[in-house]
Protein backbone atom coordinates (compact mmCIF):
# COMPACT_ATOMS: atom_id res chain seq x y z
CA MET A 1 -90.75 -129.11 205.23
CA LYS A 2 -91.30 -131.70 202.49
CA ALA A 3 -95.06 -131.56 203.14
CA ALA A 4 -95.07 -127.78 202.75
CA ALA A 5 -93.43 -127.84 199.33
CA PRO A 6 -96.04 -127.66 196.55
CA THR A 7 -96.11 -130.50 194.06
CA LEU A 8 -95.39 -129.84 190.40
CA ARG A 9 -99.03 -130.52 189.62
CA GLN A 10 -100.16 -127.92 192.17
CA GLN A 11 -97.69 -125.41 190.77
CA ALA A 12 -99.13 -125.89 187.33
CA ALA A 13 -102.67 -125.20 188.67
CA LEU A 14 -104.36 -127.20 185.93
CA SER A 15 -108.05 -126.91 185.15
CA VAL A 16 -110.22 -130.01 185.05
CA GLN A 17 -110.17 -130.00 181.23
CA GLU A 18 -106.38 -129.64 181.19
CA GLU A 19 -106.08 -132.59 183.59
CA ARG A 20 -108.32 -134.70 181.35
CA VAL A 21 -106.26 -133.82 178.26
CA ARG A 22 -103.07 -134.56 180.21
CA ALA A 23 -104.46 -137.95 181.31
CA LEU A 24 -105.23 -138.83 177.67
CA LEU A 25 -101.77 -137.64 176.64
CA LEU A 26 -100.17 -139.85 179.29
CA LYS A 27 -102.31 -142.81 178.20
CA ARG A 28 -101.54 -142.38 174.50
CA GLY A 29 -97.94 -141.15 174.76
CA GLU A 30 -98.52 -138.73 171.88
CA LEU A 31 -101.42 -136.64 170.62
CA SER A 32 -101.78 -135.05 167.22
CA ASP A 33 -104.48 -134.37 164.67
CA GLU A 34 -103.57 -137.70 163.10
CA THR A 35 -103.55 -139.81 166.28
CA ILE A 36 -106.55 -138.52 168.24
CA THR A 37 -109.86 -140.28 167.60
CA TYR A 38 -113.37 -138.90 167.44
CA GLU A 39 -114.14 -140.99 170.53
CA ASP A 40 -111.28 -139.27 172.39
CA LEU A 41 -112.53 -135.85 171.35
CA GLU A 42 -116.12 -136.70 172.29
CA ALA A 43 -115.03 -138.00 175.71
CA LEU A 44 -113.23 -134.71 176.31
CA GLY A 45 -116.19 -132.67 175.06
CA PHE A 46 -114.51 -131.31 171.93
CA ARG A 47 -115.19 -131.56 168.23
CA SER A 48 -111.72 -131.22 166.74
CA PHE A 49 -108.04 -131.37 167.60
CA SER A 50 -107.78 -127.62 167.09
CA ASP A 51 -110.20 -127.23 170.04
CA ILE A 52 -107.78 -128.96 172.43
CA LEU A 53 -104.66 -127.33 170.99
CA PRO A 54 -104.77 -124.41 173.48
CA LEU A 55 -104.95 -126.94 176.35
CA LEU A 56 -101.94 -128.84 174.99
CA GLU A 57 -100.06 -125.56 174.65
CA ARG A 58 -100.95 -124.73 178.27
CA LEU A 59 -99.55 -128.11 179.35
CA GLU A 60 -96.40 -127.27 177.40
CA GLU A 61 -96.12 -123.92 179.22
CA ALA A 62 -96.50 -125.77 182.53
CA ASP A 63 -93.67 -128.18 181.55
CA LEU A 64 -96.07 -131.13 181.51
CA ALA A 65 -95.89 -131.73 177.75
CA HIS A 66 -93.64 -130.87 174.86
CA GLN A 67 -94.28 -130.32 171.19
CA LEU A 68 -92.71 -132.91 168.95
CA ASP A 69 -90.66 -131.74 166.00
CA GLN A 70 -92.78 -132.84 163.06
CA GLU A 71 -93.06 -131.01 159.76
CA ASP A 72 -96.73 -131.24 158.81
CA VAL A 73 -98.43 -132.00 162.13
CA LYS A 74 -98.61 -130.42 165.56
CA ALA A 75 -97.96 -133.27 167.95
CA PHE A 76 -97.43 -133.31 171.70
CA ALA A 77 -95.95 -135.85 174.09
CA PRO A 78 -96.08 -135.89 177.89
CA ILE A 79 -93.25 -134.99 180.22
CA GLN A 80 -93.28 -137.57 183.00
CA LEU A 81 -93.44 -136.20 186.53
CA PRO A 82 -91.47 -137.92 189.27
CA SER A 83 -93.68 -140.17 191.36
CA SER A 84 -94.54 -139.08 194.88
CA ASP A 85 -92.57 -142.09 196.13
CA ASP A 86 -89.35 -140.68 194.70
CA GLU A 87 -87.28 -138.98 197.34
CA ILE A 88 -86.07 -135.47 196.75
CA ILE A 89 -82.39 -135.26 197.58
CA GLU A 90 -81.36 -131.88 198.89
CA ASP A 91 -77.81 -130.63 199.30
CA PRO A 92 -76.93 -129.99 202.95
């Protein structure tokens, strides 16, 4: 039964670009217009932070990221998924 249950990542049904943005978010711990570099954007195939904003918002909708409460900047941080080694405890 455990094998039949979809993983959180499968439930989110992320695109390749969303996975790449999520990987960068996990690596950095936070992404905003102030923290992302041109090299990061180029590696992702984008020109500006505003180009990846819809992908970050999609990750937020999928409960894989959350928007940080900052006044002047839109910033996002990852929500850590449980590792596949963690056991799921079910009530009998």
